[in-house]
């Protein structure tokens, strides 16, 4: 996951959220040196961008190691182009260098 440079932490507001200890521990493991609070901010920004239509792709074709054909079970957005993939439409699932499976439009990998 790529870090988003947004705002200095001194300019951020403190927000309290209750998390299960197990969830917090797993987030810390995943975040590594990045820190779990920065990870959560990135996850929340990604969610906001996807839901608001302010899509800002953070992947390139070079990030995709392999792809397989699939059918969207719900609306998705291609991580390379930002194009909407509607439910029940053909799509690809791309395996990234980090081992994540991400939605791809069928034409997004065309040369």
Protein backbone atom coordinates (compact mmCIF):
# COMPACT_ATOMS: atom_id res chain seq x y z
CA UNK A 1 0.00 0.00 0.00
CA UNK A 2 1.35 3.40 -0.97
CA UNK A 3 1.49 6.17 1.62
CA UNK A 4 -0.57 9.25 0.92
CA UNK A 5 1.10 12.53 1.83
CA UNK A 6 -1.81 14.54 3.18
CA UNK A 7 -1.34 16.67 6.25
CA UNK A 8 1.18 17.09 9.02
CA UNK A 9 0.04 15.20 12.11
CA UNK A 10 0.18 18.47 14.05
CA UNK A 11 -2.60 19.76 11.77
CA UNK A 12 -4.79 16.67 12.27
CA UNK A 13 -7.62 16.28 14.74
CA UNK A 14 -7.47 13.58 17.38
CA UNK A 15 -10.25 11.01 17.01
CA UNK A 16 -10.94 8.15 19.34
CA UNK A 17 -12.11 4.83 17.98
CA UNK A 18 -12.62 1.61 19.89
CA UNK A 19 -11.02 -1.45 18.31
CA UNK A 20 -10.78 -5.01 19.49
CA UNK A 21 -7.28 -5.80 20.80
CA UNK A 22 -6.91 -8.59 18.22
CA UNK A 23 -7.81 -6.20 15.36
CA UNK A 24 -5.35 -3.57 16.60
CA UNK A 25 -2.58 -6.19 16.90
CA UNK A 26 -3.24 -7.47 13.38
CA UNK A 27 -3.21 -3.91 12.01
CA UNK A 28 0.15 -3.32 13.68
CA UNK A 29 1.54 -6.50 12.09
CA UNK A 30 0.32 -5.48 8.63
CA UNK A 31 1.50 -1.88 8.97
CA UNK A 32 5.07 -2.75 9.96
CA UNK A 33 7.30 0.34 10.03
CA UNK A 34 4.54 2.50 8.59
CA UNK A 35 2.56 2.38 11.83
CA UNK A 36 -1.03 1.26 12.15
CA UNK A 37 -2.49 4.78 12.45
CA UNK A 38 -0.98 5.75 9.09
CA UNK A 39 -2.29 2.48 7.66
CA UNK A 40 -5.80 3.25 8.91
CA UNK A 41 -5.64 6.78 7.44
CA UNK A 42 -4.65 5.30 4.05
CA UNK A 43 -7.45 2.74 4.21
CA UNK A 44 -9.98 5.46 5.06
CA UNK A 45 -8.74 7.78 2.28
CA UNK A 46 -8.94 4.90 -0.23
CA UNK A 47 -12.51 4.20 0.88
CA UNK A 48 -13.51 7.86 0.59
CA UNK A 49 -11.96 8.17 -2.88
CA UNK A 50 -13.68 5.03 -4.15
CA UNK A 51 -17.09 5.95 -2.76
CA UNK A 52 -16.97 9.63 -3.72
CA UNK A 53 -15.79 9.13 -7.30
CA UNK A 54 -12.51 10.97 -6.61
CA UNK A 55 -10.59 7.98 -7.85
CA UNK A 56 -6.82 8.37 -7.83
CA UNK A 57 -5.22 5.12 -9.03
CA UNK A 58 -2.12 4.09 -7.09
CA UNK A 59 -1.18 1.11 -9.21
CA UNK A 60 0.56 0.81 -12.54
CA UNK A 61 0.71 -2.11 -14.97
CA UNK A 62 4.15 -2.91 -13.53
CA UNK A 63 2.51 -3.64 -10.15
CA UNK A 64 0.43 -6.48 -11.64
CA UNK A 65 2.16 -9.88 -11.62
CA UNK A 66 -0.67 -11.98 -13.04
CA UNK A 67 -4.36 -11.75 -13.87
CA UNK A 68 -7.30 -14.11 -14.13
CA UNK A 69 -10.71 -13.70 -15.75
CA UNK A 70 -13.62 -13.08 -13.40
CA UNK A 71 -17.15 -11.72 -13.22
CA UNK A 72 -17.91 -8.76 -10.95
CA UNK A 73 -20.39 -9.72 -8.23
CA UNK A 74 -20.84 -6.04 -7.28
CA UNK A 75 -19.77 -2.71 -8.74
CA UNK A 76 -15.98 -2.38 -8.67
CA UNK A 77 -13.44 0.18 -9.89
CA UNK A 78 -10.41 -0.73 -11.96
CA UNK A 79 -7.28 0.08 -9.93
CA UNK A 80 -5.40 1.11 -13.08
CA UNK A 81 -7.94 3.27 -14.92
CA UNK A 82 -10.59 4.11 -12.33
CA UNK A 83 -13.22 2.82 -14.78
CA UNK A 84 -16.41 1.49 -13.19
CA UNK A 85 -16.90 -2.27 -13.60
CA UNK A 86 -20.60 -2.97 -13.13
CA UNK A 87 -21.95 -6.03 -11.34
CA UNK A 88 -22.21 -9.13 -13.54
CA UNK A 89 -19.76 -7.71 -16.10
CA UNK A 90 -16.51 -9.44 -17.12
CA UNK A 91 -13.41 -8.21 -15.34
CA UNK A 92 -9.94 -9.36 -14.35
CA UNK A 93 -8.51 -9.97 -10.92
CA UNK A 94 -4.92 -8.82 -10.80
CA UNK A 95 -2.33 -10.24 -8.41
CA UNK A 96 -0.05 -7.43 -7.24
CA UNK A 97 3.60 -7.60 -6.22
CA UNK A 98 2.39 -7.43 -2.59
CA UNK A 99 0.11 -10.44 -3.04
CA UNK A 100 -3.17 -8.47 -3.13
CA UNK A 101 -5.97 -9.29 -5.56
CA UNK A 102 -7.29 -6.11 -7.17
CA UNK A 103 -10.10 -5.43 -9.67
CA UNK A 104 -9.09 -4.64 -13.26
CA UNK A 105 -11.20 -3.74 -16.28
CA UNK A 106 -10.78 -6.21 -19.13
CA UNK A 107 -9.07 -3.63 -21.37
CA UNK A 108 -6.79 -2.17 -18.68
CA UNK A 109 -3.90 -4.55 -19.44
CA UNK A 110 -4.14 -4.25 -23.24
CA UNK A 111 -0.94 -3.12 -24.93
